[in-house]
Amino acid sequence: MNTSQGIVIKSTGKWFSVTLDDNRKIECGIKGKFRMKGFDSTNPVAVGDRVDIKLADDRNSGTIVGIHDRKNYIIRKSIKLSKLHQIMAANVDQTLLIVTIAWPETLTGFIDRYLVSAEAYRIPAILVFNKTDLYGEPEKARLTEWTAMYEKIGYKCIAVSALEKINVDLVASILKDKISVLSGNSGVGKSSLINAVDSLLHLKTGSISDAYDTGKHITTFAEMFALQQGGYIIDTPGIRGFGMIDMDPGEIYHYFPEIFKVASRCKYHNCSHVHEPECEVLAAVQSGDIALSRYQSYLSILQGDEKKYR
């Protein structure tokens, strides 16, 4: 039978670039029935997926006929089709969220939603604060504040400047020999950072819109790249919002490590951490042990309020 296996390295919606086990790269479509069968996703096949391929007679193209079980994936709700979800990448070792304090400003609500999704699928997450060469005293103060907040929770934070190559070597060492997905708002300098990490990669970069303080979309499709020092990165399109997939309201707090840590001490086992008496989470928020912005993000997700972060 004219079949093979490989890994999806690029998705353009209808077509997928696949690296076969013999290292050949081919373009593949997807079996029609397979595409429609029971999927509520805008992209049933994602970059990082290991797939079965039915090769064409010339063996230079093929059709994806099966997806192997995924060990994990990073997912968000589709912005245009709110009832569907979008798998951003699959089978990854870690995710790096590229954040900027300004130019453009990344909202903590956006950061928290991304971290919740990573926690839900057990993907280690690292926050990379880019464009530090542009920061004045107000931005430096906020960087210190945010770094302290997220490191206290347990997230690794790195302050970098892709332009001035500050801490780029540290990022490179974290990426070495791992499959990493890089995400962030449009305009945070994700492609510039990737280019700084690996001089052999020449990803397109863009400028910031002065009118809206948001980046222009440069990366339009997810794509996997091999790093010369070892490992792979999956570059994802710049996103302006992060819609949460439906979660059991009673489990959302599980994905906030600092809330989960103290929730076991609440008086009621089914405490929602919103209004109940003797709630240890509310007490921790009042004492400052849990950051107010994090708690507000928890409430926002619990209430299904996504407009601000889309």
Protein backbone atom coordinates (compact mmCIF):
# COMPACT_ATOMS: atom_id res chain seq x y z
CA MET A 1 0.00 0.00 0.00
CA ASN A 2 1.34 3.43 -0.99
CA THR A 3 1.29 4.96 2.51
CA SER A 4 3.72 6.72 4.83
CA GLN A 5 3.89 8.67 8.09
CA GLY A 6 5.22 12.12 8.93
CA ILE A 7 4.89 15.32 10.96
CA VAL A 8 2.90 18.36 9.88
CA ILE A 9 5.28 21.34 9.73
CA LYS A 10 3.00 23.96 8.14
CA SER A 11 -0.72 24.54 7.90
CA THR A 12 -2.33 26.89 5.41
CA GLY A 13 -5.89 25.86 6.15
CA LYS A 14 -6.56 23.59 3.16
CA TRP A 15 -3.03 22.35 2.52
CA PHE A 16 -0.39 20.97 4.86
CA SER A 17 3.36 20.63 4.50
CA VAL A 18 4.50 17.31 5.93
CA THR A 19 8.00 16.01 6.63
CA LEU A 20 7.94 12.28 6.01
CA ASP A 21 9.95 9.78 8.04
CA ASP A 22 12.49 9.62 5.20
CA ASN A 23 12.93 13.44 5.57
CA ARG A 24 11.20 14.26 2.30
CA LYS A 25 8.80 17.20 2.41
CA ILE A 26 5.52 16.96 0.54
CA GLU A 27 2.26 18.90 0.27
CA CYS A 28 -0.88 17.17 1.44
CA GLY A 29 -4.60 17.70 1.34
CA ILE A 30 -7.00 16.11 3.77
CA LYS A 31 -9.55 13.38 3.25
CA GLY A 32 -12.95 15.05 2.87
CA LYS A 33 -14.94 12.79 5.17
CA PHE A 34 -12.12 12.88 7.69
CA ARG A 35 -12.23 16.69 7.68
CA MET A 36 -15.94 16.77 8.54
CA LYS A 37 -16.25 13.75 10.82
CA GLY A 38 -17.22 14.91 14.29
CA PHE A 39 -14.80 17.84 14.50
CA ASP A 40 -15.77 21.11 16.14
CA SER A 41 -12.39 22.60 15.27
CA THR A 42 -11.52 25.00 12.48
CA ASN A 43 -8.40 22.90 11.87
CA PRO A 44 -8.65 19.18 12.63
CA VAL A 45 -4.99 18.86 11.60
CA ALA A 46 -2.43 21.08 13.34
CA VAL A 47 1.28 21.78 13.10
CA GLY A 48 3.08 19.22 15.22
CA ASP A 49 0.59 16.45 14.47
CA ARG A 50 1.97 13.06 13.52
CA VAL A 51 -0.12 11.83 10.60
CA ASP A 52 -0.71 8.91 8.26
CA ILE A 53 -0.37 9.78 4.57
CA LYS A 54 -1.77 8.09 1.50
CA LEU A 55 0.80 8.99 -1.13
CA ALA A 56 -0.10 9.95 -4.68
CA ASP A 57 1.14 7.71 -7.48
CA ASP A 58 4.16 9.96 -8.03
CA ARG A 59 4.86 9.94 -4.24
CA ASN A 60 5.45 13.71 -4.36
CA SER A 61 2.13 14.65 -2.72
CA GLY A 62 -0.49 12.93 -0.66
CA THR A 63 -3.64 12.94 1.43
CA ILE A 64 -3.78 12.92 5.23
CA VAL A 65 -5.96 9.97 6.24
CA GLY A 66 -5.27 9.73 9.96
CA ILE A 67 -3.93 11.63 13.00
CA HIS A 68 -1.99 9.86 15.74
CA ASP A 69 -2.99 10.46 19.36
CA ARG A 70 -1.70 13.80 20.63
CA LYS A 71 0.20 14.08 23.89
CA ASN A 72 -1.05 17.68 24.22
CA TYR A 73 -2.05 20.77 22.28
CA ILE A 74 -2.51 24.50 22.82
CA ILE A 75 -5.99 25.60 21.88
CA ARG A 76 -8.18 28.69 21.80
CA LYS A 77 -11.71 29.55 20.78
CA SER A 78 -12.03 30.72 17.20
CA ILE A 79 -12.66 34.48 17.12
CA LYS A 80 -14.71 34.51 13.92
CA LEU A 81 -16.56 31.26 14.64
CA SER A 82 -17.11 31.36 18.38
CA LYS A 83 -18.60 27.87 18.58
CA LEU A 84 -15.47 26.33 17.10
CA HIS A 85 -11.96 26.07 18.46
CA GLN A 86 -8.55 26.44 16.87
CA ILE A 87 -5.67 24.11 17.66
CA MET A 88 -2.58 26.32 17.50
CA ALA A 89 0.01 23.53 17.83
CA ALA A 90 0.23 19.92 18.96
CA ASN A 91 2.75 17.61 20.65
CA VAL A 92 4.94 20.29 22.17
CA ASP A 93 7.38 20.27 25.11
CA GLN A 94 6.79 23.88 26.16
CA THR A 95 5.28 27.18 25.13
CA LEU A 96 6.86 30.62 25.23
CA LEU A 97 4.43 33.53 25.38
CA ILE A 98 6.06 36.69 24.06
CA VAL A 99 4.84 39.71 26.02
CA THR A 100 5.44 43.45 25.76
CA ILE A 101 4.75 45.98 28.51
CA ALA A 102 4.14 48.60 25.81
CA TRP A 103 4.36 49.01 22.02
CA PRO A 104 1.93 47.22 22.08
CA GLU A 105 0.72 46.60 25.61
CA THR A 106 -0.07 42.99 26.43
CA LEU A 107 -2.97 42.82 28.87
CA THR A 108 -2.59 40.64 31.95
CA GLY A 109 -6.02 39.20 31.15
CA PHE A 110 -4.66 37.93 27.84
CA ILE A 111 -1.57 36.48 29.56
CA ASP A 112 -3.69 34.71 32.16
CA ARG A 113 -6.04 33.21 29.59
CA TYR A 114 -3.11 31.82 27.66
CA LEU A 115 -1.54 30.40 30.82
CA VAL A 116 -4.83 28.78 31.82
CA SER A 117 -5.02 27.02 28.45
CA ALA A 118 -1.42 25.82 28.84
CA GLU A 119 -2.14 24.57 32.36
CA ALA A 120 -5.27 22.76 31.19
CA TYR A 121 -3.24 20.75 28.68
CA ARG A 122 -0.17 20.37 30.93
CA ILE A 123 2.17 22.40 28.75
CA PRO A 124 4.96 24.18 30.67
CA ALA A 125 4.77 27.92 29.94
CA ILE A 126 7.46 30.61 30.03
CA LEU A 127 6.86 34.36 29.79
CA VAL A 128 9.32 36.29 27.61
CA PHE A 129 9.13 40.08 27.99
CA ASN A 130 10.45 41.61 24.76
CA LYS A 131 11.44 45.13 23.66
CA THR A 132 13.12 46.05 26.95
CA ASP A 133 15.36 48.45 25.01
CA LEU A 134 12.31 50.73 24.61
CA TYR A 135 11.27 50.78 28.25
CA GLY A 136 11.36 53.96 30.29
CA GLU A 137 10.99 54.07 34.06
CA PRO A 138 7.19 53.41 34.09
CA GLU A 139 7.59 50.34 31.86
CA LYS A 140 10.56 49.07 33.89
CA ALA A 141 8.52 49.40 37.08
CA ARG A 142 5.65 47.43 35.57
CA LEU A 143 8.07 44.80 34.25
CA THR A 144 9.44 44.36 37.78
CA GLU A 145 5.91 44.10 39.18
CA TRP A 146 4.68 41.57 36.61
CA THR A 147 7.84 39.49 36.82
CA ALA A 148 7.53 39.26 40.61
CA MET A 149 3.84 38.32 40.33
CA TYR A 150 4.29 35.54 37.79
CA GLU A 151 7.51 34.16 39.26
CA LYS A 152 5.80 33.92 42.66
CA ILE A 153 3.19 31.70 41.01
CA GLY A 154 5.93 29.55 39.50
CA TYR A 155 6.29 30.80 35.92
CA LYS A 156 9.75 31.48 34.56
CA CYS A 157 10.09 35.05 33.27
CA ILE A 158 12.79 36.38 30.96
CA ALA A 159 13.35 40.02 29.97
CA VAL A 160 14.83 40.28 26.48
CA SER A 161 15.57 42.67 23.66
CA ALA A 162 15.62 41.02 20.25
CA LEU A 163 16.99 44.27 18.81
CA GLU A 164 19.95 44.53 21.19
CA LYS A 165 20.35 40.76 21.65
CA ILE A 166 19.80 41.01 25.42
CA ASN A 167 19.20 37.53 26.91
CA VAL A 168 18.73 36.05 23.45
CA ASP A 169 21.31 33.37 24.32
CA LEU A 170 19.21 32.45 27.36
CA VAL A 171 16.13 32.00 25.18
CA ALA A 172 18.18 29.90 22.75
CA SER A 173 19.33 27.62 25.57
CA ILE A 174 15.71 27.11 26.69
CA LEU A 175 14.67 26.18 23.15
CA LYS A 176 17.56 23.76 22.57
CA ASP A 177 16.52 20.18 21.83
CA LYS A 178 12.84 20.81 22.58
CA ILE A 179 9.70 21.35 20.53
CA SER A 180 8.47 24.80 21.53
CA VAL A 181 5.46 26.81 20.42
CA LEU A 182 5.89 30.60 20.41
CA SER A 183 2.82 32.82 20.68
CA GLY A 184 1.93 36.40 21.45
CA ASN A 185 -0.11 39.42 20.45
CA SER A 186 0.50 40.90 17.03
CA GLY A 187 3.46 43.27 17.16
CA VAL A 188 5.33 41.90 20.20
CA GLY A 189 8.39 41.06 18.08
CA LYS A 190 8.02 37.30 17.99
CA SER A 191 9.51 36.88 14.51
CA SER A 192 12.36 39.28 15.32
CA LEU A 193 13.18 37.24 18.42
CA ILE A 194 13.17 33.99 16.45
CA ASN A 195 15.53 35.53 13.89
CA ALA A 196 17.82 36.69 16.70
CA VAL A 197 17.85 33.20 18.21
CA ASP A 198 18.78 31.50 14.94
CA SER A 199 20.62 33.48 12.29
CA LEU A 200 19.70 30.95 9.60
CA LEU A 201 16.01 31.77 9.93
CA HIS A 202 14.74 34.81 8.08
CA LEU A 203 11.15 35.27 9.16
CA LYS A 204 9.33 38.36 7.96
CA THR A 205 8.98 41.12 10.52
CA GLY A 206 6.61 44.08 10.65
CA SER A 207 6.12 47.46 12.25
CA ILE A 208 3.64 48.77 14.79
CA SER A 209 0.59 50.71 13.68
CA ASP A 210 0.87 54.14 15.30
CA ALA A 211 -2.86 54.64 15.06
CA TYR A 212 -3.81 51.54 17.01
CA ASP A 213 -0.59 50.58 18.80
CA THR A 214 -1.03 47.08 17.50
CA GLY A 215 1.14 45.00 15.25
CA LYS A 216 0.46 44.13 11.66
CA HIS A 217 -0.13 40.43 11.12
CA ILE A 218 3.06 39.03 9.55
CA THR A 219 2.83 35.34 10.38
CA THR A 220 -0.38 34.13 8.77
CA PHE A 221 -0.06 30.38 9.27
CA ALA A 222 1.53 28.21 11.92
CA GLU A 223 4.85 26.70 10.84
CA MET A 224 7.54 24.52 12.42
CA PHE A 225 11.22 25.34 11.98
CA ALA A 226 14.31 23.31 12.88
CA LEU A 227 16.86 25.18 15.00
CA GLN A 228 20.52 24.85 14.09
CA GLN A 229 21.43 24.26 17.77
CA GLY A 230 18.86 21.46 18.02
CA GLY A 231 15.14 21.44 18.62
CA TYR A 232 12.15 22.90 16.80
CA ILE A 233 10.02 25.98 17.18
CA ILE A 234 6.45 26.39 16.05
CA ASP A 235 5.76 29.98 15.08
CA THR A 236 2.08 30.88 15.36
CA PRO A 237 0.17 33.81 13.87
CA GLY A 238 0.08 36.95 16.00
CA ILE A 239 -3.18 37.01 17.93
CA ARG A 240 -5.14 40.00 19.22
CA GLY A 241 -7.31 37.96 21.57
CA PHE A 242 -7.47 34.61 23.25
CA GLY A 243 -10.95 33.14 23.46
CA MET A 244 -11.31 30.40 26.06
CA ILE A 245 -12.83 27.06 25.17
CA ASP A 246 -15.70 25.89 27.34
CA MET A 247 -14.49 24.66 30.73
CA ASP A 248 -16.33 23.21 33.68
CA PRO A 249 -16.84 26.26 35.93
CA GLY A 250 -15.97 24.12 38.95
CA GLU A 251 -12.56 23.28 37.50
CA ILE A 252 -11.36 26.66 36.24
CA TYR A 253 -9.60 27.47 39.50
CA HIS A 254 -7.50 24.30 39.04
CA TYR A 255 -5.63 26.11 36.26
CA PHE A 256 -4.62 29.04 38.47
CA PRO A 257 -1.81 27.44 40.52
CA GLU A 258 -1.93 29.98 43.35
CA ILE A 259 -5.71 29.71 43.68
CA PHE A 260 -5.63 25.91 43.54
CA LYS A 261 -2.98 25.91 46.27
CA VAL A 262 -5.19 27.61 48.88
CA ALA A 263 -8.63 26.43 47.69
CA SER A 264 -8.35 23.16 49.62
CA ARG A 265 -8.58 25.17 52.84
CA CYS A 266 -11.95 26.74 51.99
CA LYS A 267 -14.82 25.83 54.34
CA TYR A 268 -17.01 24.44 51.54
CA HIS A 269 -15.70 21.75 49.20
CA ASN A 270 -17.73 23.20 46.31
CA CYS A 271 -16.67 26.79 46.98
CA SER A 272 -16.78 28.97 43.84
CA HIS A 273 -14.33 31.45 45.41
CA VAL A 274 -16.68 34.30 44.60
CA HIS A 275 -18.98 34.98 47.54
CA GLU A 276 -18.86 32.12 50.05
CA PRO A 277 -18.02 32.75 53.72
CA GLU A 278 -14.67 31.52 55.03
CA CYS A 279 -13.26 31.33 51.50
CA GLU A 280 -9.49 31.12 51.74
CA VAL A 281 -9.10 32.37 48.17
CA LEU A 282 -10.98 35.61 48.90
CA ALA A 283 -8.91 36.01 52.07
CA ALA A 284 -5.70 35.56 50.06
CA VAL A 285 -6.83 38.19 47.54
CA GLN A 286 -7.59 40.63 50.36
CA SER A 287 -4.20 40.01 51.96
CA GLY A 288 -2.36 40.36 48.65
CA ASP A 289 -1.11 36.76 48.58
CA ILE A 290 -3.10 36.32 45.36
CA ALA A 291 -2.71 39.20 42.91
CA LEU A 292 -5.93 41.12 42.25
CA SER A 293 -5.35 41.05 38.47
CA ARG A 294 -5.08 37.27 38.55
CA TYR A 295 -8.27 36.94 40.57
CA GLN A 296 -10.05 39.28 38.15
CA SER A 297 -8.90 37.05 35.30
CA TYR A 298 -10.35 34.07 37.14
CA LEU A 299 -13.70 35.86 37.51
CA SER A 300 -13.65 36.90 33.85
CA ILE A 301 -13.18 33.32 32.67
CA LEU A 302 -15.72 32.01 35.19
CA GLN A 303 -18.30 34.51 33.93
CA GLY A 304 -17.50 33.88 30.28
CA ASP A 305 -16.58 37.52 29.68
CA GLU A 306 -14.29 37.47 26.65
CA LYS A 307 -14.98 40.76 24.90
CA LYS A 308 -12.09 42.59 26.54
CA TYR A 309 -9.55 40.01 25.50
CA ARG A 310 -10.64 39.18 21.95
